[in-house]
Protein backbone atom coordinates (compact mmCIF):
# COMPACT_ATOMS: atom_id res chain seq x y z
CA MET A 1 99.19 -122.44 -2.34
CA GLU A 2 97.39 -120.03 0.11
CA LEU A 3 97.86 -117.16 -2.58
CA PHE A 4 96.04 -119.63 -5.18
CA PHE A 5 93.30 -120.10 -2.92
CA ALA A 6 93.09 -116.58 -1.99
CA LEU A 7 92.98 -115.57 -5.84
CA THR A 8 90.38 -118.35 -6.32
CA SER A 9 88.13 -117.20 -3.74
CA ILE A 10 88.26 -113.65 -4.99
CA ALA A 11 87.54 -114.81 -8.31
CA GLY A 12 84.64 -116.75 -7.16
CA ILE A 13 83.27 -113.76 -5.14
CA LEU A 14 83.55 -111.48 -8.28
CA LEU A 15 81.92 -114.28 -10.55
CA ALA A 16 79.07 -114.62 -8.12
CA PHE A 17 78.57 -110.72 -7.96
CA LEU A 18 78.47 -110.52 -11.79
CA LEU A 19 76.06 -113.41 -12.09
CA SER A 20 73.80 -111.76 -9.47
CA VAL A 21 73.88 -108.53 -11.66
CA LEU A 22 73.19 -110.44 -14.78
CA ILE A 23 70.39 -112.35 -13.27
CA GLU A 24 68.71 -109.36 -11.97
CA ALA A 25 69.08 -107.33 -15.13
CA SER A 26 67.54 -110.25 -16.99
CA TYR A 27 64.64 -110.40 -14.70
CA HIS A 28 63.97 -106.74 -14.99
CA THR A 29 64.52 -106.92 -18.65
CA PHE A 30 61.85 -109.70 -19.05
CA LYS A 31 59.42 -107.51 -17.03
CA ALA A 32 59.91 -104.65 -19.53
CA LYS A 33 57.44 -104.07 -22.22
CA ILE A 34 58.93 -104.18 -25.84
CA PRO A 35 56.00 -103.42 -28.25
CA PRO A 36 56.16 -105.65 -31.34
CA GLU A 37 55.34 -102.50 -33.27
CA VAL A 38 58.55 -100.85 -32.31
CA ASP A 39 61.47 -100.26 -34.51
CA GLN A 40 63.57 -103.68 -34.47
CA PRO A 41 62.15 -105.08 -30.97
CA SER A 42 64.85 -107.53 -30.52
CA LYS A 43 67.63 -104.90 -30.94
CA LEU A 44 65.74 -102.60 -28.28
CA SER A 45 65.43 -105.43 -25.89
CA PHE A 46 69.14 -106.06 -25.98
CA TYR A 47 69.73 -102.36 -25.42
CA SER A 48 67.22 -102.16 -22.54
CA TRP A 49 68.96 -105.22 -21.14
CA LEU A 50 72.30 -103.82 -21.39
CA PHE A 51 71.50 -100.14 -19.81
CA THR A 52 69.51 -102.13 -16.91
CA THR A 53 72.59 -104.25 -16.32
CA VAL A 54 74.72 -101.00 -16.19
CA GLU A 55 72.20 -99.35 -13.88
CA ILE A 56 71.89 -102.47 -11.53
CA LEU A 57 75.91 -102.77 -11.51
CA ALA A 58 76.10 -98.75 -10.84
CA ASN A 59 73.65 -99.47 -7.89
CA LYS A 60 75.54 -102.20 -6.25
CA LEU A 61 79.08 -100.32 -6.47
CA ALA A 62 77.37 -97.50 -5.19
CA SER A 63 75.98 -99.28 -2.08
CA LEU A 64 79.55 -100.69 -1.70
CA ARG A 65 80.91 -97.22 -1.86
CA ILE A 66 83.17 -98.19 -4.82
CA CYS A 67 81.85 -95.91 -7.48
CA LYS A 68 79.02 -93.30 -7.51
CA LYS A 69 75.87 -94.34 -9.51
CA HIS A 70 75.87 -91.48 -11.99
CA VAL A 71 79.71 -91.96 -12.99
CA LEU A 72 79.21 -95.38 -14.51
CA ILE A 73 76.09 -94.66 -16.21
CA ARG A 74 77.77 -91.71 -17.81
CA MET A 75 80.55 -93.72 -19.14
CA PHE A 76 77.92 -95.89 -20.78
CA SER A 77 75.73 -93.13 -22.28
CA ASN A 78 78.69 -91.36 -23.79
CA GLY A 79 79.04 -94.17 -26.15
CA MET A 80 82.09 -94.98 -28.41
CA ARG A 81 84.06 -92.16 -29.69
CA ALA A 82 82.89 -90.85 -33.25
CA ARG A 83 85.01 -90.52 -36.14
CA ARG A 84 85.54 -86.77 -37.15
CA ALA A 85 84.20 -85.94 -40.52
CA SER A 86 86.78 -84.40 -42.69
CA GLU A 87 84.26 -82.07 -44.37
CA LEU A 88 83.89 -80.39 -41.02
CA LEU A 89 86.18 -78.07 -39.09
CA ILE A 90 85.61 -79.14 -35.48
CA LYS A 91 86.90 -76.96 -32.57
CA ASP A 92 86.58 -77.26 -28.71
CA LEU A 93 86.16 -73.85 -27.01
CA HIS A 94 84.52 -72.25 -24.14
CA PHE A 95 81.60 -69.77 -23.94
CA GLY A 96 82.45 -68.03 -20.76
CA GLU A 97 82.52 -70.98 -18.27
CA VAL A 98 80.48 -73.43 -20.54
CA PRO A 99 82.41 -75.77 -22.80
CA VAL A 100 81.29 -76.12 -26.40
CA ARG A 101 82.37 -77.96 -29.63
CA ILE A 102 81.48 -76.02 -32.91
CA TYR A 103 81.15 -77.95 -36.10
CA LEU A 104 81.93 -75.66 -39.26
CA PRO A 105 81.55 -76.99 -42.72
CA ARG A 106 84.85 -76.64 -44.68
CA SER A 107 83.34 -75.71 -47.96
CA PRO A 108 82.97 -72.03 -48.80
CA SER A 109 79.55 -70.32 -48.63
CA ALA A 110 78.29 -67.53 -50.55
CA SER A 111 76.41 -66.02 -47.59
CA LYS A 112 76.18 -66.27 -43.81
CA ARG A 113 75.23 -69.87 -42.79
CA ARG A 114 72.54 -70.92 -40.30
CA GLY A 115 73.46 -71.56 -36.84
CA VAL A 116 72.19 -74.73 -34.60
CA VAL A 117 72.76 -74.55 -31.05
CA LEU A 118 72.27 -78.09 -29.58
CA PHE A 119 71.47 -79.20 -25.98
CA HIS A 120 72.10 -82.74 -25.37
CA GLY A 121 69.47 -85.05 -23.41
CA GLY A 122 70.36 -87.21 -20.49
CA CYS A 123 68.08 -85.75 -17.66
CA GLY A 124 70.62 -83.01 -16.91
CA MET A 125 72.86 -85.98 -15.47
CA TYR A 126 73.99 -87.86 -18.31
CA GLY A 127 75.11 -87.48 -21.85
CA SER A 128 77.80 -84.86 -23.05
CA ILE A 129 79.23 -83.42 -26.17
CA ARG A 130 80.78 -86.80 -26.98
CA SER A 131 77.55 -88.60 -26.93
CA HIS A 132 75.77 -86.26 -29.32
CA GLU A 133 78.89 -86.11 -31.59
CA ARG A 134 77.41 -88.07 -34.48
CA ILE A 135 74.12 -86.17 -34.36
CA CYS A 136 75.81 -82.80 -34.64
CA GLN A 137 78.16 -83.88 -37.33
CA GLN A 138 75.18 -85.26 -39.28
CA ILE A 139 73.28 -81.85 -38.69
CA ALA A 140 76.21 -79.88 -39.92
CA LYS A 141 76.86 -81.80 -42.95
CA LYS A 142 73.30 -82.48 -44.37
CA SER A 143 72.09 -78.88 -43.61
CA ASP A 144 75.11 -77.02 -44.38
CA SER A 145 74.77 -75.39 -40.82
CA VAL A 146 77.35 -74.45 -38.09
CA VAL A 147 76.35 -76.41 -35.13
CA VAL A 148 77.44 -75.48 -31.65
CA SER A 149 77.17 -78.50 -29.09
CA VAL A 150 76.85 -77.18 -25.57
CA GLY A 151 78.49 -78.99 -22.85
CA TYR A 152 76.60 -77.74 -19.63
CA ARG A 153 77.56 -78.76 -16.26
CA LEU A 154 75.76 -81.81 -15.02
CA SER A 155 73.99 -82.70 -11.85
CA PRO A 156 74.45 -83.98 -9.07
CA GLU A 157 77.79 -82.15 -9.07
CA HIS A 158 76.22 -78.83 -10.18
CA ARG A 159 73.00 -78.15 -8.50
CA TYR A 160 69.79 -77.35 -10.67
CA PRO A 161 69.43 -74.86 -12.35
CA THR A 162 72.93 -74.64 -13.19
CA GLN A 163 72.25 -76.71 -16.41
CA SER A 164 69.47 -74.38 -17.57
CA LEU A 165 71.71 -71.26 -16.83
CA ASP A 166 74.52 -72.61 -18.86
CA CYS A 167 72.25 -73.34 -21.97
CA VAL A 168 70.96 -69.70 -21.84
CA ASN A 169 74.64 -68.26 -21.19
CA ALA A 170 76.05 -70.13 -24.04
CA THR A 171 73.22 -69.20 -26.33
CA ILE A 172 73.59 -65.54 -25.74
CA HIS A 173 77.28 -65.75 -26.14
CA PHE A 174 76.80 -67.49 -29.51
CA LEU A 175 74.12 -64.86 -30.64
CA LYS A 176 76.55 -62.02 -29.93
CA THR A 177 79.55 -63.58 -31.68
CA ALA A 178 77.69 -65.74 -34.40
CA LYS A 179 79.25 -63.44 -37.28
CA SER A 180 82.67 -64.49 -36.16
CA TYR A 181 81.76 -68.14 -37.17
CA GLY A 182 80.23 -67.30 -40.54
CA VAL A 183 76.61 -67.42 -39.02
CA ASP A 184 73.69 -64.96 -39.67
CA PRO A 185 72.65 -64.19 -36.05
CA HIS A 186 69.03 -63.88 -37.13
CA ARG A 187 69.09 -67.56 -38.35
CA VAL A 188 70.02 -69.32 -35.10
CA ILE A 189 67.95 -72.41 -34.19
CA LEU A 190 67.97 -74.04 -30.81
CA CYS A 191 67.63 -77.79 -30.63
CA GLY A 192 67.48 -80.50 -28.05
CA ASP A 193 66.50 -84.08 -27.27
CA SER A 194 64.65 -85.04 -24.03
CA ALA A 195 65.91 -82.83 -21.42
CA GLY A 196 67.96 -81.03 -24.02
CA GLY A 197 64.46 -80.10 -25.35
CA THR A 198 63.43 -78.76 -21.97
CA PHE A 199 66.54 -76.66 -22.09
CA ALA A 200 65.97 -75.64 -25.64
CA THR A 201 62.38 -74.44 -25.29
CA GLY A 202 63.28 -73.00 -21.72
CA THR A 203 66.06 -70.95 -23.23
CA CYS A 204 63.67 -69.57 -25.89
CA GLN A 205 61.20 -68.55 -23.24
CA GLU A 206 63.95 -66.80 -21.09
CA LEU A 207 65.39 -64.67 -24.10
CA LEU A 208 62.03 -63.45 -25.39
CA ASN A 209 62.55 -60.04 -23.62
CA ARG A 210 65.99 -59.68 -24.45
CA ALA A 211 66.41 -56.49 -26.84
CA ASP A 212 70.23 -56.68 -26.82
CA ILE A 213 70.44 -59.81 -28.92
CA PRO A 214 68.93 -61.36 -31.95
CA LYS A 215 65.66 -63.31 -31.82
CA ILE A 216 65.93 -67.03 -31.88
CA ARG A 217 64.74 -68.16 -35.52
CA ALA A 218 63.37 -71.53 -34.65
CA GLN A 219 63.36 -74.47 -32.17
CA ILE A 220 63.62 -78.13 -32.67
CA LEU A 221 62.22 -80.09 -29.75
CA ILE A 222 63.07 -84.04 -30.21
CA TYR A 223 60.66 -86.29 -27.67
CA PRO A 224 61.04 -83.42 -24.94
CA PHE A 225 60.30 -83.63 -21.43
CA LEU A 226 58.09 -80.54 -20.72
CA GLN A 227 56.05 -80.99 -17.46
CA ALA A 228 56.24 -82.52 -14.19
CA MET A 229 52.63 -81.89 -12.97
CA ASN A 230 50.88 -85.07 -14.48
CA PHE A 231 52.45 -88.53 -14.72
CA ASN A 232 49.23 -90.24 -15.56
CA LEU A 233 48.72 -89.00 -19.16
CA PRO A 234 48.05 -91.60 -21.87
CA SER A 235 51.49 -92.02 -22.96
CA HIS A 236 52.50 -92.60 -19.22
CA GLN A 237 50.27 -95.54 -18.96
CA LYS A 238 50.70 -96.88 -22.35
CA ASN A 239 54.58 -96.89 -22.11
CA ALA A 240 55.02 -97.15 -18.37
CA SER A 241 57.06 -100.37 -18.65
CA THR A 242 58.74 -99.82 -22.13
CA GLY A 243 62.40 -100.66 -22.36
CA LEU A 244 65.02 -98.19 -21.81
CA LEU A 245 62.76 -95.31 -20.32
CA SER A 246 59.99 -96.59 -18.09
CA LEU A 247 57.72 -94.17 -16.03
CA GLU A 248 59.31 -95.16 -12.73
CA ARG A 249 62.87 -94.73 -14.02
CA THR A 250 61.88 -91.31 -15.51
CA VAL A 251 60.45 -90.10 -12.15
CA CYS A 252 63.54 -91.47 -10.20
CA PHE A 253 65.91 -89.84 -12.68
CA ILE A 254 63.99 -86.47 -12.08
CA LEU A 255 64.52 -86.84 -8.23
CA MET A 256 68.22 -87.83 -8.84
CA TYR A 257 68.70 -84.66 -10.91
CA LEU A 258 66.94 -82.40 -8.35
CA ARG A 259 69.13 -84.19 -5.44
CA LYS A 260 65.96 -85.75 -3.86
CA ASP A 261 65.46 -88.95 -2.57
CA CYS A 262 64.07 -91.46 -4.98
CA ALA A 263 61.80 -92.98 -2.19
CA LEU A 264 59.37 -90.04 -3.28
CA THR A 265 58.94 -91.66 -6.73
CA LYS A 266 55.46 -93.41 -5.72
CA ALA A 267 54.15 -90.15 -4.32
CA ILE A 268 54.99 -88.24 -7.31
CA LEU A 269 53.45 -90.75 -9.78
CA ALA A 270 50.39 -90.62 -7.63
CA GLY A 271 50.33 -86.87 -7.83
CA SER A 272 50.62 -86.18 -4.18
CA HIS A 273 52.94 -83.22 -4.94
CA VAL A 274 50.09 -81.14 -6.79
CA PRO A 275 47.59 -79.14 -4.93
CA GLU A 276 44.18 -79.22 -6.14
CA SER A 277 44.28 -75.37 -6.86
CA MET A 278 47.25 -75.98 -9.25
CA ASN A 279 45.43 -78.95 -10.85
CA LEU A 280 42.42 -76.58 -11.67
CA LYS A 281 44.53 -73.76 -12.94
CA TYR A 282 46.64 -75.80 -15.20
CA LYS A 283 44.25 -78.40 -16.59
CA LYS A 284 43.40 -76.30 -19.52
CA TRP A 285 46.74 -77.08 -20.61
CA ILE A 286 47.73 -80.47 -18.86
CA HIS A 287 44.80 -82.91 -19.29
CA PRO A 288 44.12 -86.18 -20.97
CA ASP A 289 41.14 -84.64 -22.76
CA LEU A 290 43.47 -82.56 -24.62
CA ILE A 291 45.17 -85.62 -26.32
CA PRO A 292 43.87 -86.56 -29.47
CA GLU A 293 41.57 -89.49 -29.12
CA LYS A 294 43.82 -91.97 -31.39
CA PHE A 295 46.53 -91.58 -28.72
CA LYS A 296 44.22 -92.59 -25.91
CA GLN A 297 43.47 -96.41 -26.60
CA ASP A 298 43.18 -98.23 -23.27
CA TYR A 299 43.48 -95.23 -21.16
CA LYS A 300 42.05 -95.34 -17.83
CA PRO A 301 41.40 -92.25 -15.59
CA PRO A 302 43.70 -92.50 -12.49
CA LEU A 303 42.37 -92.52 -8.87
CA PRO A 304 42.09 -89.08 -7.28
CA ALA A 305 45.53 -87.99 -5.95
CA SER A 306 45.91 -87.54 -2.20
CA TYR A 307 47.77 -84.24 -1.87
CA THR A 308 50.63 -84.04 0.54
CA PRO A 309 51.94 -80.67 1.36
CA GLN A 310 55.33 -81.95 2.62
CA VAL A 311 55.80 -83.52 -0.75
CA HIS A 312 54.67 -80.34 -2.59
CA GLU A 313 57.21 -78.28 -0.49
CA GLU A 314 60.00 -80.69 -1.21
CA MET A 315 59.32 -80.68 -4.92
CA LYS A 316 58.53 -76.98 -5.81
CA GLU A 317 61.27 -76.59 -8.22
CA MET A 318 59.31 -79.01 -10.56
CA PHE A 319 56.69 -76.03 -11.18
CA GLU A 320 59.41 -73.66 -12.27
CA LEU A 321 59.22 -72.78 -15.86
CA ARG A 322 62.91 -73.73 -16.33
CA PHE A 323 61.90 -77.29 -15.34
CA SER A 324 58.36 -77.30 -16.80
CA PRO A 325 58.09 -74.86 -19.71
CA LEU A 326 54.61 -76.09 -20.62
CA LEU A 327 53.47 -74.10 -17.65
CA ALA A 328 54.27 -70.92 -19.23
CA GLU A 329 51.61 -68.33 -19.78
CA ASP A 330 50.02 -67.65 -23.14
CA ALA A 331 51.59 -64.28 -23.33
CA VAL A 332 54.94 -66.28 -23.26
CA VAL A 333 53.96 -69.13 -25.47
CA GLY A 334 52.45 -66.83 -28.14
CA ARG A 335 55.87 -65.23 -28.82
CA LEU A 336 57.74 -68.35 -29.35
CA PRO A 337 59.50 -68.90 -32.78
CA ASP A 338 58.59 -71.42 -35.40
CA THR A 339 58.87 -74.85 -33.82
CA CYS A 340 59.50 -78.30 -34.77
CA ILE A 341 58.28 -80.97 -32.26
CA ILE A 342 59.21 -84.64 -32.82
CA THR A 343 57.47 -87.28 -30.89
CA CYS A 344 57.65 -91.28 -30.68
CA GLU A 345 54.81 -93.60 -30.25
CA HIS A 346 56.56 -95.78 -27.77
CA ASP A 347 57.81 -92.99 -25.69
CA VAL A 348 56.65 -92.22 -21.98
CA LEU A 349 57.05 -88.53 -22.79
CA ARG A 350 55.08 -88.53 -26.05
CA ASP A 351 52.05 -86.62 -24.56
CA ASP A 352 54.30 -83.84 -23.27
CA GLY A 353 55.21 -83.05 -27.13
CA LEU A 354 51.57 -83.47 -28.12
CA LEU A 355 50.27 -80.89 -25.35
CA TYR A 356 53.04 -78.46 -26.34
CA LYS A 357 52.03 -78.68 -29.95
CA LYS A 358 48.47 -77.90 -29.09
CA ARG A 359 49.48 -74.94 -26.96
CA LEU A 360 51.78 -73.57 -29.70
CA GLU A 361 49.03 -73.84 -32.40
CA ASP A 362 46.27 -72.39 -30.04
CA ASN A 363 48.62 -69.34 -29.64
CA ASN A 364 49.25 -69.05 -33.53
CA VAL A 365 52.86 -70.23 -33.53
CA LYS A 366 53.81 -72.27 -36.62
CA VAL A 367 54.56 -75.83 -35.64
CA THR A 368 55.87 -78.60 -37.75
CA TRP A 369 54.95 -82.01 -36.15
CA CYS A 370 56.70 -85.30 -36.98
CA HIS A 371 55.41 -88.52 -35.23
CA ILE A 372 57.38 -91.52 -35.47
CA GLU A 373 55.09 -94.53 -35.27
CA ASP A 374 58.05 -97.11 -34.50
CA GLY A 375 60.04 -94.95 -32.56
CA PHE A 376 61.01 -94.89 -28.95
CA HIS A 377 62.71 -92.54 -26.25
CA GLY A 378 66.25 -91.98 -27.12
CA VAL A 379 66.45 -93.52 -30.51
CA LEU A 380 68.27 -90.67 -32.00
CA CYS A 381 71.36 -91.38 -29.84
CA PHE A 382 71.87 -94.48 -31.63
CA LEU A 383 72.53 -92.74 -34.85
CA GLY A 384 75.60 -93.52 -36.95
CA TYR A 385 76.49 -96.79 -35.23
CA GLY A 386 75.86 -99.04 -38.29
CA ILE A 387 74.06 -102.31 -37.92
CA PHE A 388 73.60 -101.08 -34.14
CA SER A 389 71.54 -98.16 -35.25
CA PHE A 390 67.71 -98.05 -35.92
CA PRO A 391 66.10 -96.79 -39.23
CA SER A 392 63.87 -94.40 -37.08
CA ALA A 393 66.74 -92.68 -35.90
CA SER A 394 67.59 -91.74 -39.51
CA LYS A 395 63.91 -90.68 -40.13
CA ILE A 396 64.38 -88.36 -37.22
CA MET A 397 67.60 -86.80 -38.73
CA ASP A 398 65.88 -86.32 -42.08
CA HIS A 399 62.97 -84.30 -40.56
CA ILE A 400 65.43 -82.11 -38.64
CA VAL A 401 67.59 -81.48 -41.67
CA ASN A 402 64.50 -80.64 -43.70
CA PHE A 403 63.11 -78.24 -41.13
CA ILE A 404 66.44 -76.47 -40.76
CA GLU A 405 66.82 -76.11 -44.56
CA GLY A 406 63.40 -74.43 -44.50
CA CYS A 407 64.46 -71.79 -41.85
């Protein structure tokens, strides 16, 4: 009898715990903004609720010292294991210390194929080779290219800039060995979504002066994160509360990635980390006036920031080119390869892509731009899940493949 009451008590505690998680998640999801124009709003609302539930559960388990927050979120972000396509030969290898998965079309080719090096998103903490398995398989099959998915080491176990260095080193290794995989080393394209876009263009910038390896043929940046100076651009305001990736969650993830205290979120959002001299220096590249008028509906200029030297000192990494490649000088930007930039209207990071597009074009770099009017941040990761996918994810994949085929 005592055992029965003990088990009943434990079950009651667990049930109450789960109910508190679900109620809190539902409250936050209710507060989140799901634009009616977005691709399948009810489905996005469900995924937003699901991710919020996982995040709240992770926070509570972390506070009880049962499980670290990032571990549970990683399990969710990895998604379901993909079925391997019979048309592809798939190999798990290491380029030095960096794990990679290579997707090689089985059909014979009359000439060397293109190579695509893909860096997954996830703010340097989440995502993996597994999470982007479906994306890589589709790129390899549809564009008849050899795809290399890079499993760079993640934060917080591996401190920044380990992630960027792993991406650079894996790319160098592939460029030097591309022929052994049936790839023309002069037709290698770098590709990344979200933080993967940061790593892709950062790697392009870092390899510009390397004379011992072939030049990167092109880069594909899918709703990339490119700067941490200004979090009050029109897209930040418009999509501040949009489901899945809100503005506050974006900055908190950045702080977690850099192993900083999330209590700094409000100071970063207010611009307290940026001295006036830096604002003046970079406003020619990062400023709301540079965003086309059609993307500035309901935009309101923010209040002047109150600069705090201590916050700036704590967050100096945010201004490094590896972290904010949009801050690179024109002498660097003007030498970058042909670029495909994909932006989504309902994405808090939309304007990073728009600003980089302008910078590249101002420096006479050929840019192919695709704007998904009903898209949102992270939509491509739902590709290949049947009825649980979004049509806008297929649109993005079609644009990626068309661009690759033109390289």
